[in-house]
Amino acid sequence: MPNTVEFYLSKGFDEKAAKYFASGRKKPVNVMPQDSAKILITFDNAEKRILDMTPLIKDGTVYRALKDANTFKRCYIDSNGSVCWDINPEIDSEKVWSNKIDLGADTCYLESVSL
């Protein structure tokens, strides 16, 4: 029964997440900033999706730093396949983990919409 929609539903996943995991996880391979706090993500299955970051970019959250347009434009895919931003581009986020803001691949897919 593993790797079926029914399996994931039995584990408490909602239907959208169950279908996603049952069909195989997707990995971001490219990300481009867009207007209005959105990012365009291309996944390893060639699907392009838009993620609206507006609900996340709030005071009191780690994503607050993305209110700065220059910081927001510096998005990239890291070695783990997460969409990331370095708060300070002068600091190596591989050495100073607290300099990096990231979103995991699964979140990027599940919270985005297809073009």
N, C-alpha and C. Protein backbone atom coordinates (compact mmCIF):
# COMPACT_ATOMS: atom_id res chain seq x y z
N MET A 1 0.79 -1.21 0.00
CA MET A 1 0.00 0.00 0.00
C MET A 1 0.84 1.28 0.00
N PRO A 2 2.13 1.28 0.41
CA PRO A 2 2.92 2.51 0.38
C PRO A 2 2.96 3.13 -1.03
N ASN A 3 3.13 4.45 -1.04
CA ASN A 3 3.22 5.22 -2.27
C ASN A 3 1.93 5.29 -3.07
N THR A 4 0.81 5.08 -2.41
CA THR A 4 -0.48 5.26 -3.06
C THR A 4 -1.18 6.44 -2.37
N VAL A 5 -2.13 7.01 -3.07
CA VAL A 5 -2.91 8.10 -2.48
C VAL A 5 -3.56 7.63 -1.19
N GLU A 6 -4.10 6.42 -1.20
CA GLU A 6 -4.78 5.87 -0.03
C GLU A 6 -3.83 5.75 1.16
N PHE A 7 -2.59 5.36 0.90
CA PHE A 7 -1.59 5.25 1.97
C PHE A 7 -1.38 6.61 2.63
N TYR A 8 -1.16 7.64 1.83
CA TYR A 8 -0.91 8.97 2.39
C TYR A 8 -2.15 9.54 3.08
N LEU A 9 -3.32 9.27 2.53
CA LEU A 9 -4.55 9.71 3.20
C LEU A 9 -4.68 9.04 4.56
N SER A 10 -4.30 7.76 4.65
CA SER A 10 -4.40 7.04 5.92
C SER A 10 -3.42 7.59 6.97
N LYS A 11 -2.40 8.29 6.51
CA LYS A 11 -1.41 8.89 7.41
C LYS A 11 -1.79 10.32 7.80
N GLY A 12 -2.94 10.79 7.31
CA GLY A 12 -3.42 12.11 7.70
C GLY A 12 -3.12 13.23 6.71
N PHE A 13 -2.54 12.91 5.57
CA PHE A 13 -2.29 13.93 4.55
C PHE A 13 -3.61 14.37 3.94
N ASP A 14 -3.69 15.64 3.53
CA ASP A 14 -4.88 16.06 2.79
C ASP A 14 -4.77 15.50 1.37
N GLU A 15 -5.85 15.60 0.62
CA GLU A 15 -5.90 14.98 -0.71
C GLU A 15 -4.83 15.54 -1.66
N LYS A 16 -4.63 16.86 -1.63
CA LYS A 16 -3.63 17.48 -2.50
C LYS A 16 -2.24 16.92 -2.21
N ALA A 17 -1.86 16.87 -0.93
CA ALA A 17 -0.54 16.36 -0.55
C ALA A 17 -0.43 14.87 -0.84
N ALA A 18 -1.49 14.12 -0.59
CA ALA A 18 -1.47 12.68 -0.85
C ALA A 18 -1.21 12.40 -2.33
N LYS A 19 -1.87 13.13 -3.20
CA LYS A 19 -1.67 12.94 -4.64
C LYS A 19 -0.26 13.33 -5.05
N TYR A 20 0.24 14.41 -4.47
CA TYR A 20 1.60 14.86 -4.78
C TYR A 20 2.63 13.79 -4.39
N PHE A 21 2.59 13.34 -3.16
CA PHE A 21 3.58 12.36 -2.70
C PHE A 21 3.43 11.02 -3.42
N ALA A 22 2.21 10.62 -3.72
CA ALA A 22 1.99 9.35 -4.42
C ALA A 22 2.53 9.40 -5.85
N SER A 23 2.51 10.57 -6.46
CA SER A 23 2.99 10.69 -7.85
C SER A 23 4.50 10.89 -7.94
N GLY A 24 5.14 11.10 -6.80
CA GLY A 24 6.59 11.30 -6.78
C GLY A 24 6.94 12.74 -6.53
N ARG A 25 7.84 12.95 -5.60
CA ARG A 25 8.23 14.30 -5.20
C ARG A 25 8.94 15.01 -6.36
N LYS A 26 8.77 16.32 -6.41
CA LYS A 26 9.36 17.14 -7.46
C LYS A 26 10.47 18.01 -6.85
N LYS A 27 11.52 18.23 -7.63
CA LYS A 27 12.65 19.03 -7.16
C LYS A 27 12.79 20.29 -8.01
N PRO A 28 12.88 21.45 -7.37
CA PRO A 28 13.12 22.67 -8.14
C PRO A 28 14.49 22.62 -8.81
N VAL A 29 14.52 23.05 -10.07
CA VAL A 29 15.79 23.11 -10.80
C VAL A 29 16.13 24.54 -11.21
N ASN A 30 15.15 25.43 -11.15
CA ASN A 30 15.38 26.84 -11.48
C ASN A 30 14.35 27.70 -10.77
N VAL A 31 14.76 28.90 -10.38
CA VAL A 31 13.84 29.85 -9.75
C VAL A 31 14.15 31.24 -10.26
N MET A 32 13.10 32.00 -10.55
CA MET A 32 13.26 33.38 -11.01
C MET A 32 12.28 34.27 -10.26
N PRO A 33 12.77 35.37 -9.70
CA PRO A 33 11.86 36.29 -9.02
C PRO A 33 10.94 36.97 -10.03
N GLN A 34 9.73 37.25 -9.58
CA GLN A 34 8.73 37.92 -10.40
C GLN A 34 8.26 39.16 -9.65
N ASP A 35 7.41 39.95 -10.27
CA ASP A 35 6.83 41.10 -9.61
C ASP A 35 5.86 40.65 -8.52
N SER A 36 5.55 41.55 -7.62
CA SER A 36 4.53 41.33 -6.57
C SER A 36 4.86 40.16 -5.65
N ALA A 37 6.13 40.02 -5.28
CA ALA A 37 6.56 39.00 -4.31
C ALA A 37 6.22 37.58 -4.75
N LYS A 38 6.38 37.31 -6.03
CA LYS A 38 6.15 35.97 -6.56
C LYS A 38 7.44 35.42 -7.14
N ILE A 39 7.54 34.10 -7.15
CA ILE A 39 8.68 33.45 -7.79
C ILE A 39 8.17 32.42 -8.79
N LEU A 40 8.89 32.30 -9.88
CA LEU A 40 8.59 31.30 -10.91
C LEU A 40 9.57 30.15 -10.70
N ILE A 41 9.03 28.97 -10.44
CA ILE A 41 9.88 27.81 -10.15
C ILE A 41 9.68 26.78 -11.26
N THR A 42 10.80 26.29 -11.80
CA THR A 42 10.76 25.18 -12.74
C THR A 42 11.20 23.93 -11.99
N PHE A 43 10.43 22.87 -12.12
CA PHE A 43 10.71 21.62 -11.41
C PHE A 43 11.36 20.60 -12.35
N ASP A 44 11.89 19.53 -11.78
CA ASP A 44 12.61 18.53 -12.56
C ASP A 44 11.74 17.76 -13.54
N ASN A 45 10.44 17.93 -13.48
CA ASN A 45 9.54 17.32 -14.47
C ASN A 45 9.18 18.32 -15.57
N ALA A 46 9.89 19.48 -15.62
CA ALA A 46 9.72 20.57 -16.58
C ALA A 46 8.48 21.42 -16.31
N GLU A 47 7.76 21.15 -15.25
CA GLU A 47 6.58 21.94 -14.90
C GLU A 47 7.02 23.29 -14.33
N LYS A 48 6.34 24.34 -14.75
CA LYS A 48 6.59 25.69 -14.24
C LYS A 48 5.41 26.09 -13.36
N ARG A 49 5.75 26.62 -12.17
CA ARG A 49 4.72 27.00 -11.21
C ARG A 49 5.07 28.35 -10.58
N ILE A 50 4.04 29.07 -10.17
CA ILE A 50 4.20 30.37 -9.52
C ILE A 50 3.88 30.22 -8.03
N LEU A 51 4.77 30.74 -7.21
CA LEU A 51 4.55 30.75 -5.76
C LEU A 51 4.45 32.19 -5.30
N ASP A 52 3.32 32.54 -4.71
CA ASP A 52 3.11 33.87 -4.15
C ASP A 52 3.65 33.86 -2.73
N MET A 53 4.69 34.65 -2.49
CA MET A 53 5.33 34.69 -1.19
C MET A 53 4.66 35.69 -0.23
N THR A 54 3.72 36.48 -0.74
CA THR A 54 3.08 37.52 0.06
C THR A 54 2.60 37.05 1.43
N PRO A 55 1.91 35.90 1.52
CA PRO A 55 1.44 35.48 2.85
C PRO A 55 2.56 35.18 3.85
N LEU A 56 3.76 34.90 3.36
CA LEU A 56 4.88 34.57 4.24
C LEU A 56 5.68 35.79 4.67
N ILE A 57 5.73 36.80 3.82
CA ILE A 57 6.58 37.96 4.07
C ILE A 57 5.88 38.92 5.02
N LYS A 58 6.06 38.65 6.31
CA LYS A 58 5.40 39.43 7.36
C LYS A 58 6.40 39.78 8.44
N ASP A 59 6.16 40.89 9.13
CA ASP A 59 6.98 41.24 10.28
C ASP A 59 6.90 40.12 11.31
N GLY A 60 7.99 39.88 11.99
CA GLY A 60 8.01 38.85 13.03
C GLY A 60 8.31 37.46 12.50
N THR A 61 8.55 37.33 11.19
CA THR A 61 8.90 36.03 10.62
C THR A 61 10.28 36.11 9.99
N VAL A 62 10.87 34.97 9.73
CA VAL A 62 12.18 34.93 9.07
C VAL A 62 12.08 35.51 7.66
N TYR A 63 10.90 35.43 7.05
CA TYR A 63 10.73 35.91 5.69
C TYR A 63 10.63 37.44 5.59
N ARG A 64 10.59 38.13 6.73
CA ARG A 64 10.51 39.60 6.74
C ARG A 64 11.62 40.23 5.91
N ALA A 65 12.80 39.63 5.92
CA ALA A 65 13.93 40.15 5.16
C ALA A 65 13.63 40.24 3.66
N LEU A 66 12.67 39.48 3.19
CA LEU A 66 12.33 39.48 1.77
C LEU A 66 11.48 40.67 1.36
N LYS A 67 11.10 41.52 2.34
CA LYS A 67 10.42 42.77 2.00
C LYS A 67 11.34 43.67 1.18
N ASP A 68 12.64 43.52 1.39
CA ASP A 68 13.62 44.28 0.62
C ASP A 68 13.71 43.67 -0.78
N ALA A 69 13.37 44.48 -1.79
CA ALA A 69 13.31 43.99 -3.17
C ALA A 69 14.64 43.40 -3.64
N ASN A 70 15.74 44.01 -3.25
CA ASN A 70 17.05 43.49 -3.67
C ASN A 70 17.32 42.11 -3.08
N THR A 71 16.95 41.92 -1.83
CA THR A 71 17.11 40.60 -1.21
C THR A 71 16.20 39.59 -1.90
N PHE A 72 14.95 39.97 -2.14
CA PHE A 72 13.99 39.05 -2.77
C PHE A 72 14.49 38.59 -4.13
N LYS A 73 15.11 39.47 -4.89
CA LYS A 73 15.57 39.14 -6.25
C LYS A 73 16.74 38.16 -6.26
N ARG A 74 17.38 37.95 -5.12
CA ARG A 74 18.55 37.08 -5.06
C ARG A 74 18.19 35.63 -4.73
N CYS A 75 17.10 35.13 -5.21
CA CYS A 75 16.71 33.75 -4.92
C CYS A 75 17.54 32.77 -5.76
N TYR A 76 17.72 31.60 -5.22
CA TYR A 76 18.49 30.56 -5.91
C TYR A 76 18.08 29.19 -5.37
N ILE A 77 18.53 28.14 -6.05
CA ILE A 77 18.30 26.77 -5.60
C ILE A 77 19.60 26.29 -4.95
N ASP A 78 19.50 25.78 -3.72
CA ASP A 78 20.71 25.31 -3.05
C ASP A 78 20.96 23.83 -3.35
N SER A 79 22.00 23.28 -2.79
CA SER A 79 22.40 21.90 -3.06
C SER A 79 21.39 20.87 -2.56
N ASN A 80 20.48 21.28 -1.67
CA ASN A 80 19.44 20.38 -1.18
C ASN A 80 18.16 20.46 -2.01
N GLY A 81 18.13 21.34 -3.00
CA GLY A 81 16.94 21.51 -3.83
C GLY A 81 15.90 22.42 -3.21
N SER A 82 16.32 23.25 -2.27
CA SER A 82 15.42 24.22 -1.65
C SER A 82 15.56 25.57 -2.36
N VAL A 83 14.49 26.34 -2.38
CA VAL A 83 14.56 27.72 -2.87
C VAL A 83 15.06 28.56 -1.71
N CYS A 84 16.10 29.37 -1.97
CA CYS A 84 16.78 30.10 -0.89
C CYS A 84 17.06 31.55 -1.22
N TRP A 85 17.30 32.29 -0.16
CA TRP A 85 17.76 33.67 -0.22
C TRP A 85 18.83 33.84 0.84
N ASP A 86 19.91 34.52 0.51
CA ASP A 86 20.91 34.90 1.51
C ASP A 86 20.53 36.28 2.02
N ILE A 87 20.43 36.44 3.31
CA ILE A 87 20.08 37.73 3.89
C ILE A 87 21.18 38.74 3.56
N ASN A 88 22.42 38.35 3.78
CA ASN A 88 23.56 39.20 3.45
C ASN A 88 24.39 38.46 2.40
N PRO A 89 24.46 38.99 1.17
CA PRO A 89 25.18 38.28 0.11
C PRO A 89 26.68 38.20 0.33
N GLU A 90 27.19 38.94 1.30
CA GLU A 90 28.63 38.93 1.60
C GLU A 90 29.00 37.74 2.50
N ILE A 91 28.01 37.07 3.06
CA ILE A 91 28.25 35.97 4.00
C ILE A 91 27.93 34.65 3.31
N ASP A 92 28.81 33.67 3.46
CA ASP A 92 28.61 32.34 2.89
C ASP A 92 27.60 31.57 3.74
N SER A 93 26.44 31.35 3.19
CA SER A 93 25.38 30.66 3.94
C SER A 93 25.66 29.18 4.16
N GLU A 94 26.63 28.64 3.45
CA GLU A 94 27.03 27.26 3.70
C GLU A 94 27.82 27.17 5.02
N LYS A 95 28.42 28.28 5.41
CA LYS A 95 29.19 28.32 6.66
C LYS A 95 28.41 28.94 7.80
N VAL A 96 27.54 29.91 7.49
CA VAL A 96 26.73 30.60 8.50
C VAL A 96 25.27 30.33 8.16
N TRP A 97 24.74 29.26 8.72
CA TRP A 97 23.39 28.80 8.34
C TRP A 97 22.31 29.84 8.64
N SER A 98 22.52 30.68 9.63
CA SER A 98 21.49 31.65 10.00
C SER A 98 21.38 32.81 9.00
N ASN A 99 22.23 32.82 7.99
CA ASN A 99 22.16 33.85 6.94
C ASN A 99 21.20 33.46 5.82
N LYS A 100 20.73 32.21 5.82
CA LYS A 100 19.93 31.71 4.71
C LYS A 100 18.47 31.54 5.10
N ILE A 101 17.58 32.00 4.21
CA ILE A 101 16.14 31.76 4.32
C ILE A 101 15.82 30.72 3.25
N ASP A 102 15.08 29.69 3.61
CA ASP A 102 14.78 28.69 2.59
C ASP A 102 13.36 28.16 2.67
N LEU A 103 12.94 27.59 1.55
CA LEU A 103 11.66 26.90 1.43
C LEU A 103 11.96 25.54 0.82
N GLY A 104 11.50 24.49 1.46
CA GLY A 104 11.72 23.14 0.95
C GLY A 104 10.99 22.89 -0.36
N ALA A 105 11.50 21.93 -1.10
CA ALA A 105 10.96 21.59 -2.41
C ALA A 105 9.48 21.21 -2.35
N ASP A 106 9.10 20.41 -1.36
CA ASP A 106 7.70 19.97 -1.27
C ASP A 106 6.77 21.15 -1.03
N THR A 107 7.17 22.05 -0.13
CA THR A 107 6.37 23.25 0.14
C THR A 107 6.26 24.10 -1.12
N CYS A 108 7.36 24.26 -1.83
CA CYS A 108 7.33 25.06 -3.06
C CYS A 108 6.32 24.49 -4.05
N TYR A 109 6.28 23.19 -4.17
CA TYR A 109 5.34 22.59 -5.12
C TYR A 109 3.91 22.69 -4.62
N LEU A 110 3.69 22.28 -3.39
CA LEU A 110 2.32 22.22 -2.86
C LEU A 110 1.67 23.59 -2.71
N GLU A 111 2.46 24.62 -2.43
CA GLU A 111 1.90 25.96 -2.22
C GLU A 111 1.87 26.81 -3.48
N SER A 112 2.39 26.30 -4.57
CA SER A 112 2.42 27.06 -5.82
C SER A 112 1.28 26.64 -6.72
N VAL A 113 1.10 27.42 -7.78
CA VAL A 113 0.06 27.10 -8.78
C VAL A 113 0.71 26.92 -10.14
N SER A 114 0.15 26.02 -10.90
CA SER A 114 0.67 25.73 -12.23
C SER A 114 0.40 26.89 -13.19
N LEU A 115 1.31 27.11 -14.09
CA LEU A 115 1.11 28.15 -15.11
C LEU A 115 0.10 27.67 -16.15
